[in-house]
């Protein structure tokens, strides 16, 4: 019998993957969302956190953008 878990596949560069891993590590154990790190640039996460990850990444990018 095969166990299947519904989730989202994320593909990104190494720095963004590290940001997501750090975000996951900052949460309590009961709220972590990474199911499996497939390699340094690909991960499988729980489906309900997709929008939260998008908003945190957008916020991170805004903080790290150069504005003359």
C-alpha atoms as a PDB file:
ATOM      1  CA  UNK A   1       0.000   0.000   0.000  1.00  0.00           C
ATOM      2  CA  UNK A   2       1.248   3.471  -0.893  1.00  0.00           C
ATOM      3  CA  UNK A   3       0.761   6.460   1.390  1.00  0.00           C
ATOM      4  CA  UNK A   4       0.028   9.687  -0.508  1.00  0.00           C
ATOM      5  CA  UNK A   5       0.119  13.229   0.823  1.00  0.00           C
ATOM      6  CA  UNK A   6      -1.480  16.128  -1.030  1.00  0.00           C
ATOM      7  CA  UNK A   7       0.821  19.121  -1.326  1.00  0.00           C
ATOM      8  CA  UNK A   8       2.562  21.763  -3.406  1.00  0.00           C
ATOM      9  CA  UNK A   9       5.810  21.353  -5.307  1.00  0.00           C
ATOM     10  CA  UNK A  10       8.064  24.422  -5.009  1.00  0.00           C
ATOM     11  CA  UNK A  11      11.003  25.044  -7.313  1.00  0.00           C
ATOM     12  CA  UNK A  12      13.214  28.053  -6.567  1.00  0.00           C
ATOM     13  CA  UNK A  13      16.816  29.165  -6.335  1.00  0.00           C
ATOM     14  CA  UNK A  14      18.973  28.205  -3.353  1.00  0.00           C
ATOM     15  CA  UNK A  15      18.691  31.531  -1.433  1.00  0.00           C
ATOM     16  CA  UNK A  16      14.883  31.542  -1.698  1.00  0.00           C
ATOM     17  CA  UNK A  17      14.741  27.888  -0.662  1.00  0.00           C
ATOM     18  CA  UNK A  18      16.839  28.743   2.394  1.00  0.00           C
ATOM     19  CA  UNK A  19      14.443  31.589   3.216  1.00  0.00           C
ATOM     20  CA  UNK A  20      11.499  29.151   3.077  1.00  0.00           C
ATOM     21  CA  UNK A  21      13.383  26.598   5.206  1.00  0.00           C
ATOM     22  CA  UNK A  22      14.144  29.307   7.786  1.00  0.00           C
ATOM     23  CA  UNK A  23      10.495  30.398   7.725  1.00  0.00           C
ATOM     24  CA  UNK A  24       9.474  26.792   8.378  1.00  0.00           C
ATOM     25  CA  UNK A  25      12.004  26.492  11.226  1.00  0.00           C
ATOM     26  CA  UNK A  26      10.689  29.657  12.897  1.00  0.00           C
ATOM     27  CA  UNK A  27       7.261  28.072  13.421  1.00  0.00           C
ATOM     28  CA  UNK A  28       6.263  25.745  16.260  1.00  0.00           C
ATOM     29  CA  UNK A  29       6.652  22.039  15.474  1.00  0.00           C
ATOM     30  CA  UNK A  30       2.895  21.612  15.113  1.00  0.00           C
ATOM     31  CA  UNK A  31       2.759  24.266  12.342  1.00  0.00           C
ATOM     32  CA  UNK A  32       5.735  23.286  10.171  1.00  0.00           C
ATOM     33  CA  UNK A  33       4.802  22.874   6.529  1.00  0.00           C
ATOM     34  CA  UNK A  34       7.728  21.324   4.632  1.00  0.00           C
ATOM     35  CA  UNK A  35       6.918  17.695   3.903  1.00  0.00           C
ATOM     36  CA  UNK A  36      10.171  16.848   2.101  1.00  0.00           C
ATOM     37  CA  UNK A  37      13.246  18.661   0.792  1.00  0.00           C
ATOM     38  CA  UNK A  38      13.901  16.947  -2.532  1.00  0.00           C
ATOM     39  CA  UNK A  39      17.161  18.771  -3.263  1.00  0.00           C
ATOM     40  CA  UNK A  40      18.561  22.271  -2.551  1.00  0.00           C
ATOM     41  CA  UNK A  41      16.137  23.942  -4.994  1.00  0.00           C
ATOM     42  CA  UNK A  42      12.996  21.786  -4.798  1.00  0.00           C
ATOM     43  CA  UNK A  43      10.639  21.042  -1.927  1.00  0.00           C
ATOM     44  CA  UNK A  44       7.237  19.559  -1.257  1.00  0.00           C
ATOM     45  CA  UNK A  45       5.026  21.490   1.188  1.00  0.00           C
ATOM     46  CA  UNK A  46       1.534  21.177   2.649  1.00  0.00           C
ATOM     47  CA  UNK A  47      -1.121  22.674   0.322  1.00  0.00           C
ATOM     48  CA  UNK A  48      -2.676  25.131   2.781  1.00  0.00           C
ATOM     49  CA  UNK A  49       0.493  27.255   3.151  1.00  0.00           C
ATOM     50  CA  UNK A  50       0.898  28.290  -0.487  1.00  0.00           C
ATOM     51  CA  UNK A  51      -0.572  31.774  -0.039  1.00  0.00           C
ATOM     52  CA  UNK A  52       1.321  32.354   3.223  1.00  0.00           C
ATOM     53  CA  UNK A  53       4.623  31.481   1.532  1.00  0.00           C
ATOM     54  CA  UNK A  54       3.821  33.793  -1.394  1.00  0.00           C
ATOM     55  CA  UNK A  55       3.050  36.722   0.905  1.00  0.00           C
ATOM     56  CA  UNK A  56       6.182  36.184   3.038  1.00  0.00           C
ATOM     57  CA  UNK A  57       8.374  35.945  -0.077  1.00  0.00           C
ATOM     58  CA  UNK A  58       6.800  39.120  -1.507  1.00  0.00           C
ATOM     59  CA  UNK A  59       7.370  40.942   1.798  1.00  0.00           C
ATOM     60  CA  UNK A  60      10.998  39.705   1.866  1.00  0.00           C
ATOM     61  CA  UNK A  61      11.611  40.897  -1.703  1.00  0.00           C
ATOM     62  CA  UNK A  62      10.134  44.336  -0.965  1.00  0.00           C
ATOM     63  CA  UNK A  63      12.458  44.714   2.039  1.00  0.00           C
ATOM     64  CA  UNK A  64      15.482  43.758  -0.062  1.00  0.00           C
ATOM     65  CA  UNK A  65      14.786  45.889  -3.137  1.00  0.00           C
ATOM     66  CA  UNK A  66      16.841  48.956  -3.998  1.00  0.00           C
ATOM     67  CA  UNK A  67      14.815  52.147  -4.293  1.00  0.00           C
ATOM     68  CA  UNK A  68      16.805  55.264  -5.220  1.00  0.00           C
END
